[in-house]
Amino acid sequence: MRTAFGAEFELVDGYLNTPSIGVPPLHVAEAVEGFVRDWRTGAQRAADFDALVDDTRASFARLVGVPAERVAVGPAVSPLVGMVAQAVPDGCRVLTVEGGSRA
């Protein structure tokens, strides 16, 4: 067990730090293991993520300087863009990026 940056790391002997593949702190690895265990056994519910989503939304809002209620959260971009497009009244002009999607 090694300690660095105020966290413990569980490393094999001879490990040399490399930027291409890092090792997580022990507390992060344990949290991931717990998450995967609960996911694997069906112990999670969608509502279990509400507080995390709310906290993340508030953090992003602070980062960009807007109220949290102005930050939209969804499963992917396309459903959110669809909701915005549906809300545009008929006859409106919409400004887009020339060339469209590069996907």
N, C-alpha and C. Protein backbone atom coordinates (compact mmCIF):
# COMPACT_ATOMS: atom_id res chain seq x y z
N MET A 1 0.85 -1.17 0.00
CA MET A 1 0.00 0.00 0.00
C MET A 1 0.90 1.24 0.00
N ARG A 2 0.62 2.16 -0.90
CA ARG A 2 1.37 3.42 -0.96
C ARG A 2 0.40 4.57 -0.74
N THR A 3 0.92 5.65 -0.21
CA THR A 3 0.11 6.85 -0.01
C THR A 3 0.71 7.99 -0.82
N ALA A 4 -0.14 8.68 -1.57
CA ALA A 4 0.29 9.85 -2.34
C ALA A 4 -0.91 10.77 -2.51
N PHE A 5 -0.66 12.05 -2.48
CA PHE A 5 -1.71 13.04 -2.68
C PHE A 5 -2.86 12.87 -1.69
N GLY A 6 -2.55 12.39 -0.50
CA GLY A 6 -3.56 12.20 0.53
C GLY A 6 -4.45 10.99 0.32
N ALA A 7 -4.08 10.10 -0.58
CA ALA A 7 -4.90 8.91 -0.85
C ALA A 7 -4.01 7.67 -0.85
N GLU A 8 -4.64 6.53 -0.59
CA GLU A 8 -3.91 5.26 -0.61
C GLU A 8 -4.09 4.58 -1.96
N PHE A 9 -3.02 3.95 -2.42
CA PHE A 9 -3.02 3.23 -3.69
C PHE A 9 -2.52 1.82 -3.43
N GLU A 10 -3.19 0.84 -4.04
CA GLU A 10 -2.80 -0.57 -3.91
C GLU A 10 -2.09 -0.97 -5.20
N LEU A 11 -0.76 -1.02 -5.16
CA LEU A 11 0.03 -1.24 -6.36
C LEU A 11 0.86 -2.51 -6.27
N VAL A 12 1.09 -3.12 -7.43
CA VAL A 12 2.00 -4.27 -7.48
C VAL A 12 3.43 -3.77 -7.37
N ASP A 13 4.32 -4.62 -6.87
CA ASP A 13 5.73 -4.26 -6.79
C ASP A 13 6.27 -3.96 -8.18
N GLY A 14 7.05 -2.93 -8.29
CA GLY A 14 7.65 -2.59 -9.57
C GLY A 14 6.81 -1.67 -10.43
N TYR A 15 5.63 -1.27 -9.96
CA TYR A 15 4.79 -0.37 -10.76
C TYR A 15 5.50 0.96 -10.95
N LEU A 16 5.57 1.41 -12.19
CA LEU A 16 6.13 2.72 -12.50
C LEU A 16 5.01 3.58 -13.06
N ASN A 17 4.87 4.76 -12.53
CA ASN A 17 3.80 5.65 -12.96
C ASN A 17 3.91 5.93 -14.45
N THR A 18 2.82 5.91 -15.13
CA THR A 18 2.78 6.22 -16.54
C THR A 18 1.50 6.99 -16.84
N PRO A 19 1.55 8.00 -17.70
CA PRO A 19 0.34 8.76 -17.98
C PRO A 19 -0.65 8.02 -18.88
N SER A 20 -0.22 6.91 -19.50
CA SER A 20 -1.14 6.22 -20.40
C SER A 20 -2.11 5.30 -19.68
N ILE A 21 -1.76 4.83 -18.50
CA ILE A 21 -2.68 4.00 -17.72
C ILE A 21 -2.40 4.27 -16.25
N GLY A 22 -3.34 4.91 -15.61
CA GLY A 22 -3.16 5.24 -14.21
C GLY A 22 -3.89 4.26 -13.32
N VAL A 23 -3.57 4.29 -12.06
CA VAL A 23 -4.28 3.44 -11.10
C VAL A 23 -5.14 4.34 -10.23
N PRO A 24 -6.33 3.88 -9.89
CA PRO A 24 -7.20 4.71 -9.06
C PRO A 24 -6.79 4.63 -7.60
N PRO A 25 -7.07 5.68 -6.84
CA PRO A 25 -6.89 5.57 -5.39
C PRO A 25 -7.78 4.45 -4.86
N LEU A 26 -7.40 3.86 -3.74
CA LEU A 26 -8.13 2.73 -3.18
C LEU A 26 -9.60 3.07 -2.93
N HIS A 27 -9.88 4.27 -2.41
CA HIS A 27 -11.28 4.61 -2.13
C HIS A 27 -12.12 4.68 -3.41
N VAL A 28 -11.50 5.07 -4.53
CA VAL A 28 -12.22 5.10 -5.80
C VAL A 28 -12.47 3.68 -6.29
N ALA A 29 -11.45 2.82 -6.22
CA ALA A 29 -11.60 1.43 -6.65
C ALA A 29 -12.68 0.72 -5.84
N GLU A 30 -12.72 0.98 -4.53
CA GLU A 30 -13.74 0.36 -3.68
C GLU A 30 -15.13 0.87 -4.04
N ALA A 31 -15.25 2.16 -4.35
CA ALA A 31 -16.56 2.71 -4.75
C ALA A 31 -17.03 2.08 -6.06
N VAL A 32 -16.11 1.92 -7.01
CA VAL A 32 -16.46 1.30 -8.30
C VAL A 32 -16.86 -0.16 -8.09
N GLU A 33 -16.12 -0.88 -7.26
CA GLU A 33 -16.46 -2.28 -6.97
C GLU A 33 -17.86 -2.37 -6.36
N GLY A 34 -18.17 -1.48 -5.43
CA GLY A 34 -19.50 -1.48 -4.82
C GLY A 34 -20.59 -1.18 -5.82
N PHE A 35 -20.33 -0.21 -6.71
CA PHE A 35 -21.29 0.14 -7.74
C PHE A 35 -21.56 -1.04 -8.66
N VAL A 36 -20.48 -1.69 -9.13
CA VAL A 36 -20.63 -2.83 -10.04
C VAL A 36 -21.34 -3.99 -9.35
N ARG A 37 -21.04 -4.23 -8.08
CA ARG A 37 -21.72 -5.29 -7.33
C ARG A 37 -23.22 -5.01 -7.28
N ASP A 38 -23.59 -3.79 -6.93
CA ASP A 38 -25.02 -3.44 -6.85
C ASP A 38 -25.67 -3.51 -8.22
N TRP A 39 -24.97 -3.10 -9.26
CA TRP A 39 -25.48 -3.15 -10.62
C TRP A 39 -25.69 -4.60 -11.04
N ARG A 40 -24.69 -5.44 -10.76
CA ARG A 40 -24.75 -6.85 -11.16
C ARG A 40 -25.90 -7.58 -10.48
N THR A 41 -26.19 -7.22 -9.24
CA THR A 41 -27.22 -7.94 -8.48
C THR A 41 -28.60 -7.29 -8.58
N GLY A 42 -28.71 -6.19 -9.32
CA GLY A 42 -30.00 -5.53 -9.47
C GLY A 42 -30.42 -4.72 -8.26
N ALA A 43 -29.46 -4.36 -7.41
CA ALA A 43 -29.79 -3.63 -6.19
C ALA A 43 -29.97 -2.13 -6.42
N GLN A 44 -29.67 -1.65 -7.61
CA GLN A 44 -29.81 -0.22 -7.89
C GLN A 44 -31.16 0.10 -8.51
N ARG A 45 -31.62 1.31 -8.24
CA ARG A 45 -32.83 1.83 -8.86
C ARG A 45 -32.48 3.16 -9.51
N ALA A 46 -33.22 3.55 -10.51
CA ALA A 46 -32.94 4.82 -11.20
C ALA A 46 -32.93 5.98 -10.21
N ALA A 47 -33.82 5.95 -9.24
CA ALA A 47 -33.90 7.03 -8.25
C ALA A 47 -32.64 7.14 -7.41
N ASP A 48 -31.84 6.07 -7.34
CA ASP A 48 -30.60 6.11 -6.58
C ASP A 48 -29.61 7.13 -7.17
N PHE A 49 -29.80 7.51 -8.41
CA PHE A 49 -28.89 8.43 -9.07
C PHE A 49 -29.35 9.88 -9.01
N ASP A 50 -30.55 10.13 -8.51
CA ASP A 50 -31.09 11.49 -8.51
C ASP A 50 -30.19 12.49 -7.80
N ALA A 51 -29.72 12.17 -6.61
CA ALA A 51 -28.88 13.11 -5.86
C ALA A 51 -27.57 13.38 -6.60
N LEU A 52 -26.98 12.35 -7.17
CA LEU A 52 -25.74 12.53 -7.93
C LEU A 52 -25.96 13.42 -9.15
N VAL A 53 -27.06 13.20 -9.86
CA VAL A 53 -27.38 14.03 -11.03
C VAL A 53 -27.60 15.48 -10.59
N ASP A 54 -28.35 15.68 -9.51
CA ASP A 54 -28.60 17.04 -9.02
C ASP A 54 -27.31 17.74 -8.62
N ASP A 55 -26.43 17.03 -7.92
CA ASP A 55 -25.15 17.61 -7.50
C ASP A 55 -24.28 17.96 -8.71
N THR A 56 -24.25 17.07 -9.69
CA THR A 56 -23.45 17.29 -10.89
C THR A 56 -23.99 18.48 -11.68
N ARG A 57 -25.30 18.54 -11.78
CA ARG A 57 -25.95 19.65 -12.48
C ARG A 57 -25.62 20.99 -11.81
N ALA A 58 -25.69 21.02 -10.49
CA ALA A 58 -25.37 22.24 -9.74
C ALA A 58 -23.90 22.62 -9.90
N SER A 59 -23.02 21.63 -9.89
CA SER A 59 -21.59 21.90 -10.06
C SER A 59 -21.30 22.47 -11.44
N PHE A 60 -21.92 21.89 -12.48
CA PHE A 60 -21.71 22.41 -13.83
C PHE A 60 -22.27 23.82 -13.95
N ALA A 61 -23.42 24.07 -13.34
CA ALA A 61 -24.02 25.40 -13.38
C ALA A 61 -23.08 26.44 -12.75
N ARG A 62 -22.48 26.10 -11.62
CA ARG A 62 -21.51 27.01 -10.99
C ARG A 62 -20.32 27.24 -11.91
N LEU A 63 -19.86 26.19 -12.56
CA LEU A 63 -18.70 26.28 -13.45
C LEU A 63 -18.95 27.26 -14.60
N VAL A 64 -20.14 27.22 -15.19
CA VAL A 64 -20.44 28.07 -16.34
C VAL A 64 -21.19 29.34 -15.97
N GLY A 65 -21.49 29.51 -14.67
CA GLY A 65 -22.09 30.75 -14.20
C GLY A 65 -23.56 30.93 -14.52
N VAL A 66 -24.32 29.86 -14.44
CA VAL A 66 -25.77 29.95 -14.65
C VAL A 66 -26.48 29.26 -13.50
N PRO A 67 -27.77 29.56 -13.29
CA PRO A 67 -28.52 28.83 -12.27
C PRO A 67 -28.67 27.36 -12.66
N ALA A 68 -28.70 26.48 -11.67
CA ALA A 68 -28.80 25.04 -11.94
C ALA A 68 -30.04 24.68 -12.74
N GLU A 69 -31.12 25.41 -12.54
CA GLU A 69 -32.34 25.08 -13.28
C GLU A 69 -32.23 25.41 -14.77
N ARG A 70 -31.16 26.08 -15.19
CA ARG A 70 -30.92 26.36 -16.60
C ARG A 70 -30.09 25.27 -17.27
N VAL A 71 -29.65 24.26 -16.51
CA VAL A 71 -28.84 23.16 -17.04
C VAL A 71 -29.75 21.96 -17.28
N ALA A 72 -29.81 21.52 -18.54
CA ALA A 72 -30.63 20.36 -18.89
C ALA A 72 -29.81 19.08 -18.77
N VAL A 73 -30.46 18.03 -18.31
CA VAL A 73 -29.82 16.73 -18.18
C VAL A 73 -30.71 15.70 -18.87
N GLY A 74 -30.11 14.85 -19.68
CA GLY A 74 -30.87 13.82 -20.37
C GLY A 74 -29.98 12.64 -20.69
N PRO A 75 -30.58 11.58 -21.23
CA PRO A 75 -29.82 10.36 -21.50
C PRO A 75 -28.86 10.48 -22.68
N ALA A 76 -29.11 11.45 -23.56
CA ALA A 76 -28.27 11.66 -24.74
C ALA A 76 -28.63 13.03 -25.32
N VAL A 77 -27.82 13.51 -26.25
CA VAL A 77 -28.07 14.82 -26.84
C VAL A 77 -29.31 14.81 -27.72
N SER A 78 -29.51 13.76 -28.51
CA SER A 78 -30.59 13.76 -29.50
C SER A 78 -31.98 13.97 -28.89
N PRO A 79 -32.34 13.33 -27.76
CA PRO A 79 -33.67 13.61 -27.21
C PRO A 79 -33.81 15.06 -26.75
N LEU A 80 -32.73 15.64 -26.23
CA LEU A 80 -32.80 17.03 -25.79
C LEU A 80 -32.93 17.98 -26.98
N VAL A 81 -32.19 17.72 -28.05
CA VAL A 81 -32.31 18.54 -29.25
C VAL A 81 -33.71 18.40 -29.83
N GLY A 82 -34.25 17.20 -29.80
CA GLY A 82 -35.61 16.98 -30.28
C GLY A 82 -36.63 17.79 -29.50
N MET A 83 -36.47 17.86 -28.18
CA MET A 83 -37.40 18.66 -27.37
C MET A 83 -37.28 20.14 -27.70
N VAL A 84 -36.05 20.61 -27.90
CA VAL A 84 -35.86 22.02 -28.26
C VAL A 84 -36.50 22.28 -29.62
N ALA A 85 -36.25 21.41 -30.59
CA ALA A 85 -36.81 21.59 -31.93
C ALA A 85 -38.33 21.59 -31.90
N GLN A 86 -38.90 20.73 -31.09
CA GLN A 86 -40.36 20.66 -31.00
C GLN A 86 -40.94 21.93 -30.38
N ALA A 87 -40.17 22.60 -29.53
CA ALA A 87 -40.65 23.79 -28.85
C ALA A 87 -40.57 25.05 -29.72
N VAL A 88 -39.84 24.99 -30.84
CA VAL A 88 -39.72 26.15 -31.71
C VAL A 88 -41.04 26.35 -32.45
N PRO A 89 -41.63 27.54 -32.33
CA PRO A 89 -42.91 27.78 -33.01
C PRO A 89 -42.77 27.73 -34.53
N ASP A 90 -43.84 27.34 -35.20
CA ASP A 90 -43.86 27.32 -36.66
C ASP A 90 -43.53 28.71 -37.20
N GLY A 91 -42.78 28.75 -38.28
CA GLY A 91 -42.46 30.01 -38.93
C GLY A 91 -41.22 30.70 -38.39
N CYS A 92 -40.62 30.17 -37.35
CA CYS A 92 -39.41 30.79 -36.79
C CYS A 92 -38.20 30.46 -37.65
N ARG A 93 -37.22 31.33 -37.59
CA ARG A 93 -35.95 31.07 -38.26
C ARG A 93 -34.99 30.51 -37.21
N VAL A 94 -34.24 29.50 -37.61
CA VAL A 94 -33.31 28.84 -36.69
C VAL A 94 -31.90 28.96 -37.26
N LEU A 95 -30.98 29.42 -36.43
CA LEU A 95 -29.58 29.56 -36.82
C LEU A 95 -28.86 28.25 -36.51
N THR A 96 -28.14 27.71 -37.50
CA THR A 96 -27.38 26.48 -37.29
C THR A 96 -25.95 26.66 -37.79
N VAL A 97 -25.12 25.69 -37.53
CA VAL A 97 -23.74 25.70 -37.98
C VAL A 97 -23.70 25.21 -39.42
N GLU A 98 -22.95 25.92 -40.27
CA GLU A 98 -22.83 25.51 -41.66
C GLU A 98 -22.13 24.16 -41.75
N GLY A 99 -22.65 23.26 -42.54
CA GLY A 99 -22.04 21.94 -42.71
C GLY A 99 -22.70 20.87 -41.87
N GLY A 100 -23.47 21.26 -40.88
CA GLY A 100 -24.19 20.29 -40.07
C GLY A 100 -23.29 19.35 -39.30
N SER A 101 -23.78 18.16 -39.09
CA SER A 101 -23.08 17.16 -38.28
C SER A 101 -21.88 16.60 -39.03
N ARG A 102 -20.83 16.34 -38.29
CA ARG A 102 -19.63 15.74 -38.88
C ARG A 102 -19.50 14.28 -38.45
N ALA A 103 -20.57 13.70 -37.98
CA ALA A 103 -20.52 12.33 -37.47
C ALA A 103 -20.30 11.32 -38.56
